[in-house]
N, C-alpha and C. Protein backbone atom coordinates (compact mmCIF):
# COMPACT_ATOMS: atom_id res chain seq x y z
N MET A 1 -21.84 -148.71 217.49
CA MET A 1 -22.24 -149.65 216.73
C MET A 1 -20.83 -150.33 216.05
N ASN A 2 -20.85 -151.61 216.08
CA ASN A 2 -19.48 -152.14 215.53
C ASN A 2 -19.50 -152.21 214.19
N ALA A 3 -18.26 -152.11 213.71
CA ALA A 3 -18.09 -151.90 212.27
C ALA A 3 -18.53 -152.98 211.41
N GLY A 4 -18.72 -154.10 212.05
CA GLY A 4 -19.17 -155.39 211.20
C GLY A 4 -20.57 -155.01 210.54
N LEU A 5 -21.40 -154.54 211.46
CA LEU A 5 -22.88 -154.43 210.76
C LEU A 5 -22.98 -153.17 210.03
N THR A 6 -22.01 -152.06 210.42
CA THR A 6 -21.95 -150.90 209.68
C THR A 6 -21.60 -151.22 208.19
N THR A 7 -20.66 -152.08 208.05
CA THR A 7 -20.27 -152.41 206.72
C THR A 7 -21.37 -153.06 205.85
N ILE A 8 -22.38 -153.76 206.52
CA ILE A 8 -23.56 -154.41 205.80
C ILE A 8 -24.33 -153.15 205.31
N ALA A 9 -24.65 -152.17 206.20
CA ALA A 9 -25.58 -151.15 205.92
C ALA A 9 -24.92 -150.07 204.90
N ARG A 10 -23.59 -149.91 204.92
CA ARG A 10 -23.09 -148.81 204.04
C ARG A 10 -22.28 -149.19 203.01
N THR A 11 -21.73 -150.44 202.82
CA THR A 11 -21.09 -150.94 201.74
C THR A 11 -21.42 -152.22 201.42
N LYS A 12 -20.80 -152.65 200.24
CA LYS A 12 -21.23 -154.03 199.61
C LYS A 12 -20.00 -155.10 199.98
N LYS A 13 -19.16 -154.65 201.09
CA LYS A 13 -18.04 -155.57 201.48
C LYS A 13 -18.34 -156.14 202.80
N ALA A 14 -17.68 -157.22 203.18
CA ALA A 14 -17.95 -157.77 204.50
C ALA A 14 -16.75 -158.63 204.94
N ALA A 15 -16.36 -158.61 206.14
CA ALA A 15 -15.11 -159.40 206.52
C ALA A 15 -15.60 -160.86 206.77
N ARG A 16 -14.86 -161.75 206.56
CA ARG A 16 -15.13 -163.05 206.91
C ARG A 16 -14.72 -163.55 208.24
N ASN A 17 -15.64 -164.26 208.79
CA ASN A 17 -15.35 -164.56 210.43
C ASN A 17 -15.75 -166.11 210.57
N THR A 18 -14.74 -166.78 210.91
CA THR A 18 -15.12 -168.31 211.22
C THR A 18 -15.02 -168.60 212.71
N LEU A 19 -15.89 -169.46 213.20
CA LEU A 19 -16.00 -169.82 214.50
C LEU A 19 -15.95 -171.36 214.38
N SER A 20 -15.14 -172.02 215.12
CA SER A 20 -15.08 -173.48 215.06
C SER A 20 -16.06 -174.11 216.24
N SER A 21 -16.64 -175.11 215.82
CA SER A 21 -17.42 -176.00 216.73
C SER A 21 -17.68 -177.32 216.03
N SER A 22 -17.03 -178.15 216.46
CA SER A 22 -17.00 -179.43 215.82
C SER A 22 -18.34 -180.26 216.20
N LYS A 23 -18.73 -180.01 217.45
CA LYS A 23 -19.87 -180.69 217.96
C LYS A 23 -21.03 -180.05 217.15
N MET A 24 -21.09 -178.83 216.97
CA MET A 24 -22.17 -177.97 216.19
C MET A 24 -22.30 -178.44 214.79
N THR A 25 -21.04 -178.64 214.11
CA THR A 25 -20.92 -179.04 212.82
C THR A 25 -21.45 -180.32 212.72
N LYS A 26 -21.20 -181.41 213.50
CA LYS A 26 -21.65 -182.61 213.45
C LYS A 26 -23.19 -182.63 213.70
N ASN A 27 -23.68 -181.96 214.53
CA ASN A 27 -25.32 -181.94 214.64
C ASN A 27 -25.84 -181.27 213.40
N LEU A 28 -25.13 -180.23 212.97
CA LEU A 28 -25.82 -179.64 211.79
C LEU A 28 -25.82 -180.61 210.72
N ALA A 29 -24.77 -181.30 210.41
CA ALA A 29 -24.74 -182.18 209.32
C ALA A 29 -25.83 -183.21 209.52
N HIS A 30 -25.87 -183.86 210.58
CA HIS A 30 -26.81 -184.78 211.07
C HIS A 30 -28.30 -184.43 210.87
N ALA A 31 -28.59 -183.23 211.42
CA ALA A 31 -29.92 -182.71 211.46
C ALA A 31 -30.36 -182.35 209.96
N SER A 32 -29.47 -181.76 209.21
CA SER A 32 -29.82 -181.22 207.81
C SER A 32 -30.09 -182.47 206.93
N SER A 33 -29.73 -183.65 207.25
CA SER A 33 -30.12 -184.68 206.47
C SER A 33 -31.53 -185.13 206.69
N ALA A 34 -32.13 -184.61 207.81
CA ALA A 34 -33.56 -184.84 208.09
C ALA A 34 -34.31 -183.65 207.40
N GLY A 35 -33.80 -182.70 206.91
CA GLY A 35 -34.65 -181.63 206.27
C GLY A 35 -34.77 -180.40 207.09
N SER A 36 -34.28 -180.40 208.43
CA SER A 36 -34.42 -179.31 209.23
C SER A 36 -33.37 -179.47 210.24
N LEU A 37 -33.20 -178.27 210.92
CA LEU A 37 -32.26 -178.37 212.13
C LEU A 37 -32.33 -177.32 213.12
N ALA A 38 -32.33 -177.81 214.27
CA ALA A 38 -32.28 -176.76 215.38
C ALA A 38 -31.28 -177.10 216.31
N MET A 39 -30.24 -176.25 216.83
CA MET A 39 -29.20 -176.75 217.55
C MET A 39 -29.09 -175.84 218.83
N GLN A 40 -29.85 -174.92 219.13
CA GLN A 40 -29.88 -174.09 220.14
C GLN A 40 -31.20 -174.05 220.98
N GLU A 41 -31.23 -173.67 222.05
CA GLU A 41 -32.50 -173.68 222.86
C GLU A 41 -33.42 -172.79 222.38
N PRO A 42 -34.69 -173.02 222.34
CA PRO A 42 -35.64 -172.06 221.79
C PRO A 42 -35.75 -170.82 222.74
N ARG A 43 -36.01 -169.61 222.15
CA ARG A 43 -36.22 -168.41 222.86
C ARG A 43 -37.57 -168.49 223.70
N PRO A 44 -37.42 -167.61 224.71
CA PRO A 44 -38.67 -167.53 225.75
C PRO A 44 -39.84 -167.20 224.86
N ILE A 45 -40.98 -167.40 225.26
CA ILE A 45 -42.31 -167.19 224.68
C ILE A 45 -42.61 -165.62 224.91
N ARG A 46 -43.05 -164.94 223.95
CA ARG A 46 -43.25 -163.47 223.96
C ARG A 46 -44.86 -163.22 223.77
N GLN A 47 -45.26 -162.08 224.12
CA GLN A 47 -46.62 -161.69 224.07
C GLN A 47 -46.98 -161.03 222.65
N GLU A 48 -46.04 -160.44 222.11
CA GLU A 48 -46.28 -159.72 220.93
C GLU A 48 -45.90 -160.74 219.68
N ARG A 49 -46.29 -160.44 218.54
CA ARG A 49 -45.93 -161.23 217.46
C ARG A 49 -44.36 -161.35 217.11
N ALA A 50 -43.89 -162.37 216.75
CA ALA A 50 -42.46 -162.39 216.59
C ALA A 50 -42.14 -161.93 215.25
N ARG A 51 -41.06 -161.29 215.05
CA ARG A 51 -40.49 -160.71 213.75
C ARG A 51 -39.42 -161.41 213.36
N VAL A 52 -39.55 -161.69 212.00
CA VAL A 52 -38.84 -162.51 211.08
C VAL A 52 -38.25 -161.67 209.91
N VAL A 53 -37.07 -161.76 209.75
CA VAL A 53 -36.55 -161.01 208.39
C VAL A 53 -36.16 -162.17 207.45
N VAL A 54 -36.58 -162.17 206.18
CA VAL A 54 -36.44 -163.16 205.19
C VAL A 54 -35.57 -162.52 204.08
N ILE A 55 -34.35 -162.94 203.90
CA ILE A 55 -33.56 -162.47 202.91
C ILE A 55 -33.05 -163.43 201.83
N ASP A 56 -33.63 -163.29 200.80
CA ASP A 56 -33.55 -164.13 199.55
C ASP A 56 -33.60 -163.32 198.19
N ASP A 57 -32.64 -163.43 197.31
CA ASP A 57 -32.79 -162.69 195.98
C ASP A 57 -33.74 -163.37 195.04
N ASP A 58 -34.23 -164.34 195.35
CA ASP A 58 -35.33 -165.01 194.50
C ASP A 58 -36.62 -164.54 195.12
N ALA A 59 -37.32 -163.77 194.24
CA ALA A 59 -38.58 -163.16 194.71
C ALA A 59 -39.65 -164.27 195.00
N THR A 60 -39.74 -165.22 194.16
CA THR A 60 -40.52 -166.49 194.44
C THR A 60 -40.31 -167.16 195.70
N ILE A 61 -39.12 -167.54 196.02
CA ILE A 61 -38.78 -168.23 197.29
C ILE A 61 -39.13 -167.11 198.54
N ARG A 62 -38.69 -166.00 198.40
CA ARG A 62 -38.96 -165.01 199.42
C ARG A 62 -40.32 -164.77 199.73
N SER A 63 -41.13 -164.66 198.62
CA SER A 63 -42.45 -164.42 198.59
C SER A 63 -43.29 -165.67 199.47
N LEU A 64 -42.76 -166.89 198.98
CA LEU A 64 -43.48 -168.07 199.42
C LEU A 64 -43.27 -168.25 200.97
N VAL A 65 -41.83 -168.09 201.39
CA VAL A 65 -41.54 -168.11 202.79
C VAL A 65 -42.21 -167.07 203.54
N SER A 66 -42.36 -165.88 203.06
CA SER A 66 -42.94 -164.87 203.89
C SER A 66 -44.55 -165.08 203.79
N LEU A 67 -45.19 -165.74 203.00
CA LEU A 67 -46.53 -166.02 202.89
C LEU A 67 -46.90 -166.94 204.16
N HIS A 68 -46.08 -168.25 204.20
CA HIS A 68 -46.22 -169.11 205.19
C HIS A 68 -45.89 -168.50 206.41
N LEU A 69 -45.16 -167.61 206.54
CA LEU A 69 -44.91 -167.21 207.99
C LEU A 69 -46.07 -166.07 208.40
N VAL A 70 -46.37 -165.28 207.38
CA VAL A 70 -47.57 -164.45 207.79
C VAL A 70 -48.83 -165.23 208.11
N ASN A 71 -49.03 -166.23 207.36
CA ASN A 71 -50.33 -166.91 207.66
C ASN A 71 -50.09 -167.63 208.96
N ALA A 72 -48.96 -168.04 209.50
CA ALA A 72 -48.89 -168.35 210.76
C ALA A 72 -48.98 -167.48 212.01
N GLY A 73 -48.88 -166.24 211.45
CA GLY A 73 -49.02 -165.28 212.53
C GLY A 73 -47.77 -164.30 212.88
N TYR A 74 -46.71 -164.54 212.07
CA TYR A 74 -45.60 -163.80 212.17
C TYR A 74 -45.43 -162.53 211.56
N ASP A 75 -44.84 -161.53 212.03
CA ASP A 75 -44.47 -160.39 211.49
C ASP A 75 -43.29 -160.47 210.73
N VAL A 76 -43.32 -160.38 209.43
CA VAL A 76 -42.33 -160.64 208.45
C VAL A 76 -41.90 -159.42 207.56
N GLN A 77 -40.50 -159.28 207.55
CA GLN A 77 -39.96 -158.12 206.66
C GLN A 77 -39.09 -158.88 205.78
N GLU A 78 -39.44 -158.64 204.43
CA GLU A 78 -38.63 -159.23 203.28
C GLU A 78 -37.38 -158.17 202.96
N ALA A 79 -36.40 -158.89 202.40
CA ALA A 79 -35.14 -158.23 201.88
C ALA A 79 -34.73 -159.05 200.75
N GLN A 80 -34.33 -158.32 199.60
CA GLN A 80 -34.00 -158.92 198.23
C GLN A 80 -32.50 -159.30 198.36
N ASP A 81 -31.50 -158.66 199.34
CA ASP A 81 -30.14 -158.95 199.35
C ASP A 81 -29.79 -158.64 200.75
N ALA A 82 -28.52 -158.96 200.99
CA ALA A 82 -27.85 -158.73 202.26
C ALA A 82 -27.77 -157.22 202.73
N ILE A 83 -27.69 -156.32 201.83
CA ILE A 83 -27.72 -154.93 202.07
C ILE A 83 -29.05 -154.52 202.76
N GLU A 84 -30.12 -154.94 201.88
CA GLU A 84 -31.39 -154.64 202.37
C GLU A 84 -31.74 -155.40 203.75
N GLY A 85 -31.28 -156.42 203.90
CA GLY A 85 -31.30 -157.18 205.07
C GLY A 85 -30.79 -156.55 206.31
N GLY A 86 -29.46 -156.02 206.04
CA GLY A 86 -28.80 -155.32 207.02
C GLY A 86 -29.62 -154.17 207.43
N HIS A 87 -30.11 -153.37 206.57
CA HIS A 87 -30.87 -152.16 206.86
C HIS A 87 -32.09 -152.62 207.71
N ALA A 88 -32.75 -153.60 207.37
CA ALA A 88 -33.95 -153.96 208.21
C ALA A 88 -33.61 -154.60 209.57
N VAL A 89 -32.51 -155.18 209.85
CA VAL A 89 -31.97 -155.52 211.11
C VAL A 89 -31.54 -154.38 211.83
N LEU A 90 -30.96 -153.26 211.31
CA LEU A 90 -30.57 -152.05 212.08
C LEU A 90 -31.85 -151.28 212.38
N ARG A 91 -33.04 -151.14 211.66
CA ARG A 91 -34.10 -150.58 211.83
C ARG A 91 -34.84 -151.18 213.04
N ALA A 92 -34.92 -152.31 213.02
CA ALA A 92 -35.73 -153.11 214.13
C ALA A 92 -35.23 -154.60 214.10
N PRO A 93 -34.32 -155.00 215.10
CA PRO A 93 -33.83 -156.28 215.34
C PRO A 93 -34.92 -157.12 215.40
N PRO A 94 -34.75 -158.28 214.55
CA PRO A 94 -35.69 -159.39 214.49
C PRO A 94 -35.52 -160.41 215.53
N ASP A 95 -36.35 -161.46 215.68
CA ASP A 95 -36.40 -162.38 216.56
C ASP A 95 -35.53 -163.69 215.81
N LEU A 96 -35.51 -163.54 214.50
CA LEU A 96 -34.93 -164.61 213.70
C LEU A 96 -34.81 -164.01 212.28
N ILE A 97 -33.69 -164.53 211.61
CA ILE A 97 -33.30 -164.05 210.29
C ILE A 97 -33.30 -165.47 209.44
N ILE A 98 -33.88 -165.42 208.41
CA ILE A 98 -33.81 -166.41 207.35
C ILE A 98 -33.20 -166.09 206.33
N CYS A 99 -32.02 -166.53 205.98
CA CYS A 99 -30.96 -166.09 205.02
C CYS A 99 -30.68 -166.93 203.92
N ASP A 100 -30.70 -166.71 202.74
CA ASP A 100 -30.22 -167.42 201.59
C ASP A 100 -28.64 -167.30 201.63
N VAL A 101 -28.16 -168.24 200.95
CA VAL A 101 -26.52 -168.25 200.84
C VAL A 101 -26.05 -167.43 199.73
N ASN A 102 -26.50 -167.89 198.58
CA ASN A 102 -26.15 -167.26 197.39
C ASN A 102 -26.88 -166.00 196.82
N MET A 103 -26.44 -164.67 197.07
CA MET A 103 -27.05 -163.48 196.68
C MET A 103 -25.86 -162.60 196.02
N PRO A 104 -26.55 -161.65 195.38
CA PRO A 104 -25.60 -160.49 194.78
C PRO A 104 -25.05 -159.64 195.98
N TYR A 105 -23.95 -159.02 195.75
CA TYR A 105 -23.33 -158.00 196.50
C TYR A 105 -22.54 -158.64 197.73
N MET A 106 -23.43 -159.31 198.49
CA MET A 106 -22.69 -159.99 199.84
C MET A 106 -23.50 -161.29 199.83
N ASN A 107 -22.66 -162.47 199.93
CA ASN A 107 -23.46 -163.62 200.22
C ASN A 107 -23.92 -163.69 201.60
N GLY A 108 -24.70 -164.85 201.89
CA GLY A 108 -25.23 -165.08 203.10
C GLY A 108 -24.07 -165.34 204.34
N TYR A 109 -23.14 -165.99 203.82
CA TYR A 109 -21.92 -166.20 205.01
C TYR A 109 -21.35 -164.95 205.26
N GLU A 110 -21.11 -164.11 204.36
CA GLU A 110 -20.52 -162.81 204.67
C GLU A 110 -21.48 -162.07 205.62
N PHE A 111 -22.79 -161.93 205.27
CA PHE A 111 -23.67 -161.25 205.96
C PHE A 111 -23.74 -161.83 207.51
N VAL A 112 -23.87 -163.21 207.65
CA VAL A 112 -23.96 -163.72 209.15
C VAL A 112 -22.66 -163.41 209.82
N ALA A 113 -21.54 -163.53 208.99
CA ALA A 113 -20.18 -163.12 209.72
C ALA A 113 -20.20 -161.78 210.31
N ALA A 114 -20.56 -160.66 209.55
CA ALA A 114 -20.73 -159.38 209.85
C ALA A 114 -21.73 -159.17 211.11
N LEU A 115 -22.93 -159.99 211.13
CA LEU A 115 -23.80 -159.88 212.07
C LEU A 115 -23.30 -160.37 213.32
N LYS A 116 -22.61 -161.48 213.29
CA LYS A 116 -22.01 -162.22 214.44
C LYS A 116 -20.75 -161.20 215.16
N ALA A 117 -20.26 -160.50 214.21
CA ALA A 117 -19.12 -159.46 214.75
C ALA A 117 -19.60 -158.34 215.54
N ASP A 118 -20.90 -158.07 215.40
CA ASP A 118 -21.34 -156.98 216.05
C ASP A 118 -22.07 -157.34 217.44
N PRO A 119 -21.86 -156.66 218.43
CA PRO A 119 -22.31 -157.05 219.84
C PRO A 119 -23.82 -156.85 219.72
N LEU A 120 -24.24 -156.02 219.00
CA LEU A 120 -25.62 -155.54 219.07
C LEU A 120 -26.53 -156.66 218.39
N THR A 121 -25.84 -157.40 217.40
CA THR A 121 -26.85 -158.40 216.57
C THR A 121 -26.22 -159.68 216.85
N LYS A 122 -25.20 -159.87 217.44
CA LYS A 122 -24.62 -161.33 217.37
C LYS A 122 -25.40 -162.34 217.98
N ASP A 123 -26.36 -162.11 218.97
CA ASP A 123 -27.42 -163.12 219.39
C ASP A 123 -28.60 -163.33 218.73
N ILE A 124 -28.86 -162.73 217.67
CA ILE A 124 -29.89 -162.87 216.77
C ILE A 124 -29.78 -164.25 215.88
N PRO A 125 -30.64 -165.34 216.22
CA PRO A 125 -30.64 -166.55 215.50
C PRO A 125 -30.81 -166.32 213.94
N VAL A 126 -29.92 -166.92 213.39
CA VAL A 126 -30.00 -167.06 211.80
C VAL A 126 -30.13 -168.36 211.38
N ALA A 127 -30.95 -168.74 210.40
CA ALA A 127 -31.20 -169.98 209.75
C ALA A 127 -30.95 -169.82 208.13
N PHE A 128 -30.14 -170.80 207.74
CA PHE A 128 -29.81 -170.50 206.22
C PHE A 128 -30.82 -171.35 205.57
N ILE A 129 -31.05 -170.89 204.28
CA ILE A 129 -31.80 -171.69 203.25
C ILE A 129 -31.03 -171.76 201.97
N SER A 130 -30.91 -172.73 201.34
CA SER A 130 -29.89 -172.84 200.27
C SER A 130 -30.31 -174.16 199.36
N THR A 131 -29.94 -174.19 198.18
CA THR A 131 -30.04 -175.34 197.26
C THR A 131 -28.55 -176.11 197.41
N ASN A 132 -27.65 -175.39 198.02
CA ASN A 132 -26.27 -176.17 198.01
C ASN A 132 -26.31 -176.98 199.04
N ASP A 133 -25.48 -178.22 198.87
CA ASP A 133 -25.42 -179.33 199.92
C ASP A 133 -24.36 -179.20 200.99
N ASP A 134 -23.44 -178.03 200.59
CA ASP A 134 -22.25 -178.02 201.49
C ASP A 134 -22.38 -176.83 202.44
N VAL A 135 -23.63 -176.43 202.69
CA VAL A 135 -23.85 -175.32 203.66
C VAL A 135 -23.77 -175.76 205.13
N ALA A 136 -24.08 -176.74 205.50
CA ALA A 136 -24.11 -177.30 206.88
C ALA A 136 -22.79 -177.02 207.65
N ASP A 137 -21.50 -177.32 207.22
CA ASP A 137 -20.57 -177.04 207.92
C ASP A 137 -19.97 -175.64 208.13
N HIS A 138 -20.20 -174.82 207.02
CA HIS A 138 -20.09 -173.43 207.12
C HIS A 138 -20.97 -172.81 208.10
N ALA A 139 -22.08 -173.13 207.76
CA ALA A 139 -23.40 -172.40 208.73
C ALA A 139 -22.98 -172.57 210.18
N ALA A 140 -22.49 -173.86 210.65
CA ALA A 140 -22.25 -174.19 211.99
C ALA A 140 -20.90 -173.29 212.52
N ARG A 141 -19.94 -173.24 211.54
CA ARG A 141 -18.91 -172.26 211.92
C ARG A 141 -19.24 -170.91 212.06
N LEU A 142 -20.21 -170.40 211.51
CA LEU A 142 -20.50 -169.05 211.55
C LEU A 142 -21.47 -168.80 212.81
N GLY A 143 -22.16 -169.98 213.26
CA GLY A 143 -23.05 -169.76 214.47
C GLY A 143 -24.53 -169.82 214.19
N ALA A 144 -24.77 -170.43 212.92
CA ALA A 144 -26.22 -170.39 212.60
C ALA A 144 -26.89 -171.42 213.33
N VAL A 145 -28.18 -171.25 213.55
CA VAL A 145 -28.95 -172.10 214.37
C VAL A 145 -29.72 -173.31 213.57
N ALA A 146 -29.66 -173.05 212.18
CA ALA A 146 -30.42 -174.03 211.31
C ALA A 146 -30.06 -173.84 210.06
N TYR A 147 -30.34 -174.98 209.23
CA TYR A 147 -30.25 -174.89 207.81
C TYR A 147 -31.33 -175.68 207.19
N LEU A 148 -32.09 -175.10 206.25
CA LEU A 148 -33.22 -175.78 205.37
C LEU A 148 -32.79 -175.86 204.09
N ARG A 149 -32.98 -176.73 203.42
CA ARG A 149 -32.53 -177.04 201.94
C ARG A 149 -33.71 -176.78 201.04
N LYS A 150 -33.48 -175.89 200.14
CA LYS A 150 -34.54 -175.46 199.15
C LYS A 150 -34.97 -176.81 198.24
N PRO A 151 -36.06 -177.03 197.95
CA PRO A 151 -37.29 -176.23 198.26
C PRO A 151 -37.68 -176.52 199.76
N VAL A 152 -38.00 -175.41 200.40
CA VAL A 152 -38.36 -175.40 201.65
C VAL A 152 -39.84 -175.76 201.81
N PHE A 153 -40.16 -176.71 202.77
CA PHE A 153 -41.50 -177.10 202.92
C PHE A 153 -41.98 -176.50 204.12
N ALA A 154 -43.24 -176.17 204.01
CA ALA A 154 -44.00 -175.27 204.87
C ALA A 154 -43.94 -175.95 206.43
N ASP A 155 -44.06 -177.14 206.49
CA ASP A 155 -44.02 -177.73 207.94
C ASP A 155 -42.80 -177.65 208.34
N LYS A 156 -41.62 -177.78 207.82
CA LYS A 156 -40.17 -177.84 208.29
C LYS A 156 -40.03 -176.33 208.68
N LEU A 157 -40.42 -175.37 207.73
CA LEU A 157 -40.07 -174.00 207.86
C LEU A 157 -40.76 -173.57 209.29
N LEU A 158 -42.04 -173.89 209.27
CA LEU A 158 -42.76 -173.40 210.60
C LEU A 158 -42.31 -174.01 211.91
N GLU A 159 -41.94 -175.45 211.66
CA GLU A 159 -41.31 -175.75 212.93
C GLU A 159 -40.08 -175.31 213.34
N LEU A 160 -39.25 -175.02 212.42
CA LEU A 160 -38.00 -174.33 212.65
C LEU A 160 -38.30 -173.01 213.31
N VAL A 161 -39.07 -172.03 212.58
CA VAL A 161 -39.29 -170.79 213.27
C VAL A 161 -39.99 -170.86 214.62
N ALA A 162 -40.92 -171.65 214.86
CA ALA A 162 -41.50 -171.98 216.24
C ALA A 162 -40.59 -172.18 217.20
N LEU A 163 -39.43 -172.85 217.01
CA LEU A 163 -38.39 -173.29 218.02
C LEU A 163 -37.81 -171.92 218.45
N PHE A 164 -37.68 -171.01 217.66
CA PHE A 164 -36.90 -169.78 217.98
C PHE A 164 -37.57 -168.55 218.36
N THR A 165 -38.89 -168.59 217.94
CA THR A 165 -39.91 -167.43 218.20
C THR A 165 -41.26 -167.88 218.65
N ALA A 166 -42.03 -166.94 219.02
CA ALA A 166 -43.42 -167.39 219.40
C ALA A 166 -44.37 -166.38 218.82
N PRO A 167 -45.19 -166.98 217.93
CA PRO A 167 -46.18 -165.97 217.19
C PRO A 167 -47.17 -165.17 218.23
């Protein structure tokens, strides 16, 4: 296992990793103004229920996002911070991770940088959710597939998740 994900699981520190992609940044900024964004090809359709990990320190947002996803037929694992999220990803790699940016111990950017540094988790698509306006550029550099602005609307959330998973 790469040290990047091990750092998430065992400590509260993470290395920062930036990847440049001006085209992706431009698409991310353009799509985020419409309320949702998807920049990569959807994953192939699967027979079993798709698994989504929702990481947010706000229990209300986390529960609401999970409720929408469970009602739509997804298998959802909740985590209140990046440390718990890292454990969930290590136990059973999900089809998609929905991650807040501002969290205690390790922010969403640090979490995704560590995921992308690990060969076992680098291909798991990650979508950021945040109240911040400046997420799009940084998310694109880290390799995020999408960004949704809080408050997250159910239709946009389900549209995004459907692009990368199949219930």
